[in-house]
Structure formats: structure tokens, C-alpha cells
Protein backbone atom coordinates (compact mmCIF):
# COMPACT_ATOMS: atom_id res chain seq x y z
CA UNK A 1 -11.77 -25.28 -43.66
CA UNK A 2 -10.08 -23.44 -46.48
CA UNK A 3 -6.32 -23.38 -46.90
CA UNK A 4 -5.00 -19.95 -47.83
CA UNK A 5 -1.67 -19.16 -49.44
CA UNK A 6 0.28 -16.32 -47.88
CA UNK A 7 -0.11 -13.24 -50.12
CA UNK A 8 0.17 -10.12 -47.93
CA UNK A 9 2.51 -8.46 -45.45
CA UNK A 10 -0.37 -8.40 -42.95
CA UNK A 11 -0.82 -12.17 -43.15
CA UNK A 12 2.95 -12.65 -42.92
CA UNK A 13 2.86 -10.75 -39.61
CA UNK A 14 -0.10 -12.84 -38.42
CA UNK A 15 1.81 -16.05 -39.25
CA UNK A 16 4.83 -14.76 -37.31
CA UNK A 17 2.60 -14.01 -34.33
CA UNK A 18 1.10 -17.51 -34.50
CA UNK A 19 4.53 -19.17 -34.70
CA UNK A 20 5.66 -17.21 -31.63
CA UNK A 21 2.49 -17.86 -29.63
CA UNK A 22 2.31 -20.44 -26.87
CA UNK A 23 -0.48 -22.20 -28.77
CA UNK A 24 1.64 -23.28 -31.77
CA UNK A 25 4.46 -25.55 -30.59
CA UNK A 26 4.52 -27.85 -27.55
CA UNK A 27 8.28 -27.32 -27.22
CA UNK A 28 8.72 -23.61 -26.53
CA UNK A 29 12.51 -23.85 -26.09
CA UNK A 30 13.17 -22.30 -29.50
CA UNK A 31 16.72 -21.90 -30.76
CA UNK A 32 17.90 -18.42 -31.76
CA UNK A 33 17.74 -19.56 -35.40
CA UNK A 34 14.15 -20.72 -35.03
CA UNK A 35 13.15 -17.39 -33.53
CA UNK A 36 14.82 -15.56 -36.43
CA UNK A 37 13.05 -17.89 -38.87
CA UNK A 38 9.63 -17.33 -37.26
CA UNK A 39 10.14 -13.55 -37.39
CA UNK A 40 11.51 -13.30 -40.93
CA UNK A 41 10.62 -16.29 -43.14
CA UNK A 42 6.94 -15.47 -43.75
CA UNK A 43 7.77 -11.99 -45.02
CA UNK A 44 10.77 -13.25 -47.04
CA UNK A 45 8.62 -15.88 -48.74
CA UNK A 46 6.51 -13.13 -50.31
CA UNK A 47 9.53 -12.28 -52.48
CA UNK A 48 10.53 -15.80 -53.57
CA UNK A 49 8.41 -17.82 -56.02
CA UNK A 50 9.29 -21.27 -54.66
CA UNK A 51 9.07 -20.36 -50.97
CA UNK A 52 5.47 -20.76 -49.81
CA UNK A 53 3.43 -20.53 -46.63
CA UNK A 54 -0.12 -21.83 -46.30
CA UNK A 55 -2.45 -21.28 -43.37
CA UNK A 56 -5.89 -22.09 -42.01
CA UNK A 57 -8.12 -19.74 -40.03
CA UNK A 58 -10.92 -20.53 -37.61
CA UNK A 59 -14.39 -19.03 -37.83
CA UNK A 60 -13.16 -15.88 -36.05
CA UNK A 61 -10.43 -15.33 -38.66
CA UNK A 62 -7.57 -16.36 -36.33
CA UNK A 63 -4.72 -18.40 -37.76
CA UNK A 64 -4.87 -21.91 -36.33
CA UNK A 65 -2.43 -23.84 -38.55
CA UNK A 66 0.56 -23.00 -40.75
CA UNK A 67 3.05 -24.86 -42.91
CA UNK A 68 5.76 -23.83 -45.35
CA UNK A 69 8.25 -25.14 -47.87
CA UNK A 70 10.94 -23.77 -50.11
CA UNK A 71 13.12 -25.00 -52.93
CA UNK A 72 16.63 -25.91 -51.85
CA UNK A 73 19.56 -23.60 -52.50
CA UNK A 74 20.62 -25.58 -55.59
CA UNK A 75 17.27 -24.94 -57.29
CA UNK A 76 17.33 -28.42 -58.78
CA UNK A 77 13.86 -29.58 -57.81
CA UNK A 78 14.47 -30.51 -54.20
CA UNK A 79 12.22 -28.89 -51.60
CA UNK A 80 12.49 -28.47 -47.85
CA UNK A 81 9.28 -28.83 -45.86
CA UNK A 82 10.01 -26.40 -43.11
CA UNK A 83 7.59 -25.93 -40.24
CA UNK A 84 4.13 -27.27 -39.49
CA UNK A 85 2.26 -25.86 -36.51
CA UNK A 86 -1.33 -26.50 -35.47
CA UNK A 87 -3.00 -24.59 -32.62
CA UNK A 88 -3.27 -26.79 -29.52
CA UNK A 89 -7.07 -26.56 -29.46
CA UNK A 90 -7.42 -27.61 -33.12
CA UNK A 91 -5.22 -30.69 -33.19
CA UNK A 92 -6.68 -34.01 -34.31
CA UNK A 93 -9.02 -32.27 -36.76
CA UNK A 94 -7.00 -33.20 -39.87
CA UNK A 95 -5.47 -29.75 -40.40
CA UNK A 96 -1.90 -31.07 -40.59
CA UNK A 97 -2.95 -33.56 -43.26
CA UNK A 98 -4.81 -30.89 -45.26
CA UNK A 99 -1.83 -28.51 -45.14
CA UNK A 100 0.62 -31.25 -46.09
CA UNK A 101 -1.53 -32.20 -49.08
CA UNK A 102 -1.55 -28.59 -50.29
CA UNK A 103 2.23 -28.42 -49.88
CA UNK A 104 2.84 -31.70 -51.71
CA UNK A 105 0.45 -30.69 -54.50
CA UNK A 106 2.42 -27.46 -54.96
CA UNK A 107 5.79 -29.24 -55.07
CA UNK A 108 4.47 -31.75 -57.60
CA UNK A 109 2.99 -28.91 -59.70
CA UNK A 110 6.46 -27.37 -60.12
CA UNK A 111 7.99 -30.78 -60.92
CA UNK A 112 9.66 -31.13 -57.54
CA UNK A 113 11.77 -34.26 -57.29
CA UNK A 114 11.71 -34.76 -53.54
CA UNK A 115 10.84 -33.34 -50.15
CA UNK A 116 13.21 -33.19 -47.22
CA UNK A 117 11.99 -32.45 -43.74
CA UNK A 118 13.18 -32.74 -40.19
CA UNK A 119 12.14 -32.73 -36.58
CA UNK A 120 13.55 -33.15 -33.11
CA UNK A 121 13.86 -36.53 -31.41
CA UNK A 122 12.20 -35.40 -28.14
CA UNK A 123 8.96 -37.18 -27.15
CA UNK A 124 6.86 -34.09 -28.01
CA UNK A 125 7.75 -34.67 -31.66
CA UNK A 126 6.61 -38.28 -31.97
CA UNK A 127 3.26 -37.32 -33.55
CA UNK A 128 4.98 -35.45 -36.40
CA UNK A 129 7.45 -38.32 -36.85
CA UNK A 130 4.49 -40.68 -37.27
CA UNK A 131 2.88 -38.26 -39.73
CA UNK A 132 6.05 -38.15 -41.84
CA UNK A 133 6.21 -41.94 -41.99
CA UNK A 134 2.47 -42.26 -42.72
CA UNK A 135 2.94 -39.94 -45.70
CA UNK A 136 5.78 -41.88 -47.28
CA UNK A 137 8.82 -40.21 -45.72
CA UNK A 138 11.82 -42.32 -44.78
CA UNK A 139 14.17 -41.51 -41.90
CA UNK A 140 17.54 -40.86 -43.59
CA UNK A 141 19.69 -39.59 -40.77
CA UNK A 142 20.23 -38.30 -37.28
CA UNK A 143 22.23 -35.25 -36.27
CA UNK A 144 23.15 -35.72 -32.59
CA UNK A 145 22.95 -32.65 -30.32
CA UNK A 146 21.76 -30.54 -33.27
CA UNK A 147 19.35 -28.19 -31.48
CA UNK A 148 20.78 -28.32 -27.98
CA UNK A 149 22.80 -30.91 -26.08
CA UNK A 150 20.70 -34.06 -25.98
CA UNK A 151 18.32 -32.93 -28.76
CA UNK A 152 19.00 -34.61 -32.08
CA UNK A 153 17.64 -33.64 -35.48
CA UNK A 154 15.92 -36.42 -37.42
CA UNK A 155 16.00 -35.99 -41.21
CA UNK A 156 13.29 -37.49 -43.46
CA UNK A 157 13.10 -37.81 -47.27
CA UNK A 158 10.28 -38.49 -49.73
CA UNK A 159 10.93 -39.00 -53.45
CA UNK A 160 8.22 -37.47 -55.64
CA UNK A 161 9.58 -38.14 -59.15
CA UNK A 162 11.54 -40.94 -60.73
CA UNK A 163 15.31 -40.47 -60.64
CA UNK A 164 16.62 -38.56 -63.65
CA UNK A 165 19.59 -39.49 -65.83
CA UNK A 166 21.70 -37.01 -63.82
CA UNK A 167 20.94 -38.69 -60.48
């Protein structure tokens, strides 16, 4: 399956619709900020060179997997791997791995120094936690009650380049 980079307003809307569908995330208890992100980030990324979305379609042309990343606000080579969603019926087909590889290749191509990412500590998120660790990410912190009471945020880091003299 081919990975496509988001290029059009139409595809940005399709990504938003996929994010908001019941087939994308097991945990549908989205925060208000997540809902805003799902509605706005794909379109906003069309205007920012180091904010990217990639997606995969099935044979019928429906989006079945999406991921995104953007350079941090300091624009110093650090990138945030934002969301990764794979349609429930297409999980365990390697799509998450393929999308992550495209994302990491992009960050390396622009001399990115590291990737930060995060997830929730609820049981539904254990597969993505395992994926982070399998791809060289290290758990660097926990934010208790971050999403809602009883739902912590787990932060992960992966260094891509050797530390510079400024580090």
C-alpha cells in the first residue's frame, strides 16, 4: 500500500473525517483539545512546511491510516510525532510501521535531532506504547491526570542525531 502525503484541502477534510470516525481510535472519549486538533490540524499543516500528515487508502480509496508530525515551537530540530490512527479492520497489517518509517525518514531528511511523542496510560494504548519502545523510543515522563482524572500522559523520546555542541 502506498503512503500519500497530505497535499489538498479535500484530503485534509477526509483525514479529519477519519480521525472523528468510530473506526480510528479505540478510546472515543476525546478531549475538547483533541477534537479541535482533529478538525483543524490537517488543514493547518498544508500551510506549514515542517508540519506533515501522511495517509494510506484501501482499494476503494478510503483512508485507513493516518499519522502526523510537526517541528516544535522552537524550530531547533525537535519534532513532535502527533497522532497515529489505523482503521480497526486494518490493524496488524503493518500500516503503523510503514507510516512511522515515512515520518522518521522525513524528520531525518530535514536534519531533525529528535522525536517526542506521547500516549495515554489506559490499557487501550498498550499496543502503541510497545510500538514506541520497539522503535527506539524511551519513556521520559508521566503527567498524572493529564487527559482526564485517572488518565496520565506518557511521554517518549527518540534521539535521531548526535548531540550538538549547544546541547
